[in-house]
Amino acid sequence: MKEKEYAIFLQIDDGEWDYLRKKSGVNSWTTNDPVLLFRNKDDAQYEADKWNTASVVEWQYGMVK
């Protein structure tokens, strides 16, 4: 069985939501970049706390990364 992984879901603009992704540029990411995943919820929460609209969600196996 695969271990749980966690992602961060946040509002990136008015009415636009996305998963926090690995940065491809210096200060930004695109929707083509892979989702930033965490092996435990505490690490994910630590990163989510840096964002105003972020929440930690369990990453479901089989979702597009």
PDB file of N, CA and C in Angstrom:
ATOM      1  N   MET A   1       0.841  -1.187   0.000  1.00  0.00           N
ATOM      2  CA  MET A   1       0.000   0.000   0.000  1.00  0.00           C
ATOM      3  C   MET A   1       0.884   1.247   0.000  1.00  0.00           C
ATOM      4  N   LYS A   2       0.513   2.208  -0.801  1.00  0.00           N
ATOM      5  CA  LYS A   2       1.269   3.442  -0.915  1.00  0.00           C
ATOM      6  C   LYS A   2       1.042   4.314   0.320  1.00  0.00           C
ATOM      7  N   GLU A   3       2.120   4.939   0.800  1.00  0.00           N
ATOM      8  CA  GLU A   3       2.010   5.847   1.940  1.00  0.00           C
ATOM      9  C   GLU A   3       1.231   7.095   1.544  1.00  0.00           C
ATOM     10  N   LYS A   4       0.589   7.692   2.532  1.00  0.00           N
ATOM     11  CA  LYS A   4      -0.142   8.929   2.265  1.00  0.00           C
ATOM     12  C   LYS A   4       0.831  10.041   1.904  1.00  0.00           C
ATOM     13  N   GLU A   5       0.378  10.890   1.000  1.00  0.00           N
ATOM     14  CA  GLU A   5       1.120  12.094   0.657  1.00  0.00           C
ATOM     15  C   GLU A   5       0.153  13.263   0.790  1.00  0.00           C
ATOM     16  N   TYR A   6       0.722  14.441   0.999  1.00  0.00           N
ATOM     17  CA  TYR A   6      -0.094  15.628   1.208  1.00  0.00           C
ATOM     18  C   TYR A   6       0.327  16.722   0.237  1.00  0.00           C
ATOM     19  N   ALA A   7      -0.665  17.494  -0.189  1.00  0.00           N
ATOM     20  CA  ALA A   7      -0.434  18.610  -1.096  1.00  0.00           C
ATOM     21  C   ALA A   7      -1.063  19.856  -0.471  1.00  0.00           C
ATOM     22  N   ILE A   8      -0.762  20.992  -1.063  1.00  0.00           N
ATOM     23  CA  ILE A   8      -1.312  22.261  -0.592  1.00  0.00           C
ATOM     24  C   ILE A   8      -2.171  22.837  -1.706  1.00  0.00           C
ATOM     25  N   PHE A   9      -3.417  23.152  -1.373  1.00  0.00           N
ATOM     26  CA  PHE A   9      -4.364  23.722  -2.323  1.00  0.00           C
ATOM     27  C   PHE A   9      -4.580  25.175  -1.912  1.00  0.00           C
ATOM     28  N   LEU A  10      -4.400  26.106  -2.857  1.00  0.00           N
ATOM     29  CA  LEU A  10      -4.500  27.513  -2.503  1.00  0.00           C
ATOM     30  C   LEU A  10      -5.101  28.347  -3.619  1.00  0.00           C
ATOM     31  N   GLN A  11      -5.621  29.495  -3.223  1.00  0.00           N
ATOM     32  CA  GLN A  11      -6.176  30.445  -4.189  1.00  0.00           C
ATOM     33  C   GLN A  11      -5.019  31.234  -4.770  1.00  0.00           C
ATOM     34  N   ILE A  12      -4.901  31.200  -6.103  1.00  0.00           N
ATOM     35  CA  ILE A  12      -3.800  31.915  -6.753  1.00  0.00           C
ATOM     36  C   ILE A  12      -4.250  33.251  -7.341  1.00  0.00           C
ATOM     37  N   ASP A  13      -5.569  33.419  -7.497  1.00  0.00           N
ATOM     38  CA  ASP A  13      -6.146  34.669  -7.991  1.00  0.00           C
ATOM     39  C   ASP A  13      -7.639  34.615  -7.692  1.00  0.00           C
ATOM     40  N   ASP A  14      -8.348  35.690  -7.925  1.00  0.00           N
ATOM     41  CA  ASP A  14      -9.785  35.692  -7.667  1.00  0.00           C
ATOM     42  C   ASP A  14     -10.460  34.574  -8.454  1.00  0.00           C
ATOM     43  N   GLY A  15     -11.058  33.637  -7.735  1.00  0.00           N
ATOM     44  CA  GLY A  15     -11.761  32.540  -8.373  1.00  0.00           C
ATOM     45  C   GLY A  15     -10.873  31.474  -8.994  1.00  0.00           C
ATOM     46  N   GLU A  16      -9.568  31.570  -8.801  1.00  0.00           N
ATOM     47  CA  GLU A  16      -8.639  30.587  -9.357  1.00  0.00           C
ATOM     48  C   GLU A  16      -7.906  29.867  -8.242  1.00  0.00           C
ATOM     49  N   TRP A  17      -7.980  28.551  -8.277  1.00  0.00           N
ATOM     50  CA  TRP A  17      -7.347  27.708  -7.271  1.00  0.00           C
ATOM     51  C   TRP A  17      -6.419  26.725  -7.943  1.00  0.00           C
ATOM     52  N   ASP A  18      -5.352  26.347  -7.266  1.00  0.00           N
ATOM     53  CA  ASP A  18      -4.404  25.381  -7.816  1.00  0.00           C
ATOM     54  C   ASP A  18      -3.636  24.753  -6.662  1.00  0.00           C
ATOM     55  N   TYR A  19      -2.971  23.672  -6.974  1.00  0.00           N
ATOM     56  CA  TYR A  19      -2.057  23.064  -6.019  1.00  0.00           C
ATOM     57  C   TYR A  19      -0.734  23.810  -6.055  1.00  0.00           C
ATOM     58  N   LEU A  20      -0.096  23.932  -4.912  1.00  0.00           N
ATOM     59  CA  LEU A  20       1.245  24.490  -4.859  1.00  0.00           C
ATOM     60  C   LEU A  20       2.154  23.543  -5.630  1.00  0.00           C
ATOM     61  N   ARG A  21       2.987  24.097  -6.482  1.00  0.00           N
ATOM     62  CA  ARG A  21       3.811  23.289  -7.373  1.00  0.00           C
ATOM     63  C   ARG A  21       5.285  23.593  -7.178  1.00  0.00           C
ATOM     64  N   LYS A  22       6.108  22.683  -7.634  1.00  0.00           N
ATOM     65  CA  LYS A  22       7.555  22.908  -7.607  1.00  0.00           C
ATOM     66  C   LYS A  22       7.864  24.039  -8.568  1.00  0.00           C
ATOM     67  N   LYS A  23       8.677  24.976  -8.131  1.00  0.00           N
ATOM     68  CA  LYS A  23       8.992  26.149  -8.939  1.00  0.00           C
ATOM     69  C   LYS A  23       9.893  25.789 -10.116  1.00  0.00           C
ATOM     70  N   SER A  24       9.501  26.274 -11.290  1.00  0.00           N
ATOM     71  CA  SER A  24      10.344  26.069 -12.469  1.00  0.00           C
ATOM     72  C   SER A  24      11.189  27.310 -12.729  1.00  0.00           C
ATOM     73  N   GLY A  25      10.722  28.446 -12.221  1.00  0.00           N
ATOM     74  CA  GLY A  25      11.452  29.688 -12.364  1.00  0.00           C
ATOM     75  C   GLY A  25      12.002  30.114 -11.023  1.00  0.00           C
ATOM     76  N   VAL A  26      12.510  31.307 -10.971  1.00  0.00           N
ATOM     77  CA  VAL A  26      13.087  31.809  -9.734  1.00  0.00           C
ATOM     78  C   VAL A  26      12.010  31.992  -8.660  1.00  0.00           C
ATOM     79  N   ASN A  27      10.900  32.618  -9.024  1.00  0.00           N
ATOM     80  CA  ASN A  27       9.862  32.912  -8.032  1.00  0.00           C
ATOM     81  C   ASN A  27       8.472  32.453  -8.449  1.00  0.00           C
ATOM     82  N   SER A  28       8.375  31.571  -9.409  1.00  0.00           N
ATOM     83  CA  SER A  28       7.046  31.210  -9.886  1.00  0.00           C
ATOM     84  C   SER A  28       6.980  29.776 -10.369  1.00  0.00           C
ATOM     85  N   TRP A  29       5.742  29.311 -10.580  1.00  0.00           N
ATOM     86  CA  TRP A  29       5.522  28.001 -11.157  1.00  0.00           C
ATOM     87  C   TRP A  29       4.420  28.137 -12.187  1.00  0.00           C
ATOM     88  N   THR A  30       4.257  27.118 -13.007  1.00  0.00           N
ATOM     89  CA  THR A  30       3.175  27.082 -13.985  1.00  0.00           C
ATOM     90  C   THR A  30       2.335  25.842 -13.713  1.00  0.00           C
ATOM     91  N   THR A  31       1.197  25.752 -14.365  1.00  0.00           N
ATOM     92  CA  THR A  31       0.336  24.592 -14.180  1.00  0.00           C
ATOM     93  C   THR A  31       0.954  23.335 -14.787  1.00  0.00           C
ATOM     94  N   ASN A  32       2.017  23.485 -15.542  1.00  0.00           N
ATOM     95  CA  ASN A  32       2.719  22.325 -16.098  1.00  0.00           C
ATOM     96  C   ASN A  32       3.752  21.748 -15.130  1.00  0.00           C
ATOM     97  N   ASP A  33       4.084  22.482 -14.086  1.00  0.00           N
ATOM     98  CA  ASP A  33       5.059  22.012 -13.103  1.00  0.00           C
ATOM     99  C   ASP A  33       4.421  20.971 -12.198  1.00  0.00           C
ATOM    100  N   PRO A  34       5.223  20.031 -11.683  1.00  0.00           N
ATOM    101  CA  PRO A  34       4.660  18.996 -10.808  1.00  0.00           C
ATOM    102  C   PRO A  34       4.202  19.565  -9.466  1.00  0.00           C
ATOM    103  N   VAL A  35       3.162  18.959  -8.934  1.00  0.00           N
ATOM    104  CA  VAL A  35       2.627  19.345  -7.627  1.00  0.00           C
ATOM    105  C   VAL A  35       3.677  19.047  -6.564  1.00  0.00           C
ATOM    106  N   LEU A  36       3.830  19.978  -5.644  1.00  0.00           N
ATOM    107  CA  LEU A  36       4.751  19.801  -4.527  1.00  0.00           C
ATOM    108  C   LEU A  36       4.075  18.904  -3.491  1.00  0.00           C
ATOM    109  N   LEU A  37       4.660  17.732  -3.257  1.00  0.00           N
ATOM    110  CA  LEU A  37       4.076  16.760  -2.340  1.00  0.00           C
ATOM    111  C   LEU A  37       4.931  16.618  -1.090  1.00  0.00           C
ATOM    112  N   PHE A  38       4.255  16.301   0.007  1.00  0.00           N
ATOM    113  CA  PHE A  38       4.910  16.133   1.302  1.00  0.00           C
ATOM    114  C   PHE A  38       4.595  14.747   1.835  1.00  0.00           C
ATOM    115  N   ARG A  39       5.546  14.157   2.517  1.00  0.00           N
ATOM    116  CA  ARG A  39       5.371  12.806   3.059  1.00  0.00           C
ATOM    117  C   ARG A  39       4.632  12.805   4.389  1.00  0.00           C
ATOM    118  N   ASN A  40       4.567  13.965   5.038  1.00  0.00           N
ATOM    119  CA  ASN A  40       3.794  14.022   6.279  1.00  0.00           C
ATOM    120  C   ASN A  40       3.034  15.338   6.366  1.00  0.00           C
ATOM    121  N   LYS A  41       1.954  15.297   7.104  1.00  0.00           N
ATOM    122  CA  LYS A  41       1.043  16.438   7.186  1.00  0.00           C
ATOM    123  C   LYS A  41       1.675  17.633   7.888  1.00  0.00           C
ATOM    124  N   ASP A  42       2.535  17.395   8.859  1.00  0.00           N
ATOM    125  CA  ASP A  42       3.167  18.501   9.588  1.00  0.00           C
ATOM    126  C   ASP A  42       4.029  19.351   8.670  1.00  0.00           C
ATOM    127  N   ASP A  43       4.813  18.713   7.812  1.00  0.00           N
ATOM    128  CA  ASP A  43       5.649  19.472   6.866  1.00  0.00           C
ATOM    129  C   ASP A  43       4.785  20.256   5.881  1.00  0.00           C
ATOM    130  N   ALA A  44       3.707  19.632   5.439  1.00  0.00           N
ATOM    131  CA  ALA A  44       2.798  20.314   4.521  1.00  0.00           C
ATOM    132  C   ALA A  44       2.151  21.515   5.208  1.00  0.00           C
ATOM    133  N   GLN A  45       1.750  21.343   6.458  1.00  0.00           N
ATOM    134  CA  GLN A  45       1.119  22.440   7.196  1.00  0.00           C
ATOM    135  C   GLN A  45       2.097  23.582   7.423  1.00  0.00           C
ATOM    136  N   TYR A  46       3.344  23.254   7.689  1.00  0.00           N
ATOM    137  CA  TYR A  46       4.371  24.284   7.880  1.00  0.00           C
ATOM    138  C   TYR A  46       4.477  25.160   6.626  1.00  0.00           C
ATOM    139  N   GLU A  47       4.455  24.541   5.444  1.00  0.00           N
ATOM    140  CA  GLU A  47       4.525  25.298   4.188  1.00  0.00           C
ATOM    141  C   GLU A  47       3.214  26.044   3.944  1.00  0.00           C
ATOM    142  N   ALA A  48       2.097  25.409   4.209  1.00  0.00           N
ATOM    143  CA  ALA A  48       0.790  26.047   3.984  1.00  0.00           C
ATOM    144  C   ALA A  48       0.615  27.295   4.841  1.00  0.00           C
ATOM    145  N   ASP A  49       1.196  27.297   6.029  1.00  0.00           N
ATOM    146  CA  ASP A  49       1.085  28.450   6.921  1.00  0.00           C
ATOM    147  C   ASP A  49       1.736  29.707   6.348  1.00  0.00           C
ATOM    148  N   LYS A  50       2.543  29.555   5.322  1.00  0.00           N
ATOM    149  CA  LYS A  50       3.200  30.701   4.673  1.00  0.00           C
ATOM    150  C   LYS A  50       2.267  31.408   3.697  1.00  0.00           C
ATOM    151  N   TRP A  51       1.115  30.818   3.410  1.00  0.00           N
ATOM    152  CA  TRP A  51       0.172  31.336   2.422  1.00  0.00           C
ATOM    153  C   TRP A  51      -1.141  31.704   3.107  1.00  0.00           C
ATOM    154  N   ASN A  52      -1.777  32.782   2.648  1.00  0.00           N
ATOM    155  CA  ASN A  52      -3.033  33.244   3.262  1.00  0.00           C
ATOM    156  C   ASN A  52      -4.216  32.335   2.995  1.00  0.00           C
ATOM    157  N   THR A  53      -4.259  31.703   1.831  1.00  0.00           N
ATOM    158  CA  THR A  53      -5.456  30.959   1.431  1.00  0.00           C
ATOM    159  C   THR A  53      -5.219  29.461   1.311  1.00  0.00           C
ATOM    160  N   ALA A  54      -4.137  28.964   1.851  1.00  0.00           N
ATOM    161  CA  ALA A  54      -3.753  27.570   1.639  1.00  0.00           C
ATOM    162  C   ALA A  54      -4.375  26.612   2.644  1.00  0.00           C
ATOM    163  N   SER A  55      -4.627  25.414   2.161  1.00  0.00           N
ATOM    164  CA  SER A  55      -5.047  24.333   3.057  1.00  0.00           C
ATOM    165  C   SER A  55      -4.349  23.046   2.624  1.00  0.00           C
ATOM    166  N   VAL A  56      -4.115  22.183   3.584  1.00  0.00           N
ATOM    167  CA  VAL A  56      -3.453  20.906   3.323  1.00  0.00           C
ATOM    168  C   VAL A  56      -4.522  19.887   2.950  1.00  0.00           C
ATOM    169  N   VAL A  57      -4.267  19.151   1.879  1.00  0.00           N
ATOM    170  CA  VAL A  57      -5.183  18.104   1.444  1.00  0.00           C
ATOM    171  C   VAL A  57      -4.403  16.814   1.253  1.00  0.00           C
ATOM    172  N   GLU A  58      -5.079  15.711   1.476  1.00  0.00           N
ATOM    173  CA  GLU A  58      -4.440  14.425   1.228  1.00  0.00           C
ATOM    174  C   GLU A  58      -4.413  14.192  -0.277  1.00  0.00           C
ATOM    175  N   TRP A  59      -3.239  13.860  -0.777  1.00  0.00           N
ATOM    176  CA  TRP A  59      -3.077  13.614  -2.202  1.00  0.00           C
ATOM    177  C   TRP A  59      -3.589  12.215  -2.494  1.00  0.00           C
ATOM    178  N   GLN A  60      -4.537  12.119  -3.379  1.00  0.00           N
ATOM    179  CA  GLN A  60      -5.146  10.832  -3.695  1.00  0.00           C
ATOM    180  C   GLN A  60      -4.309  10.098  -4.738  1.00  0.00           C
ATOM    181  N   TYR A  61      -4.002   8.853  -4.464  1.00  0.00           N
ATOM    182  CA  TYR A  61      -3.258   8.022  -5.398  1.00  0.00           C
ATOM    183  C   TYR A  61      -3.984   7.970  -6.735  1.00  0.00           C
ATOM    184  N   GLY A  62      -3.231   8.165  -7.800  1.00  0.00           N
ATOM    185  CA  GLY A  62      -3.820   8.108  -9.130  1.00  0.00           C
ATOM    186  C   GLY A  62      -4.199   9.463  -9.686  1.00  0.00           C
ATOM    187  N   MET A  63      -4.137  10.517  -8.862  1.00  0.00           N
ATOM    188  CA  MET A  63      -4.434  11.848  -9.387  1.00  0.00           C
ATOM    189  C   MET A  63      -3.273  12.290 -10.266  1.00  0.00           C
ATOM    190  N   VAL A  64      -3.554  13.146 -11.202  1.00  0.00           N
ATOM    191  CA  VAL A  64      -2.513  13.664 -12.076  1.00  0.00           C
ATOM    192  C   VAL A  64      -1.604  14.548 -11.276  1.00  0.00           C
ATOM    193  N   LYS A  65      -0.312  14.274 -11.329  1.00  0.00           N
ATOM    194  CA  LYS A  65       0.653  15.069 -10.591  1.00  0.00           C
ATOM    195  C   LYS A  65       1.265  16.064 -11.517  1.00  0.00           C
TER     196      LYS A  65
END
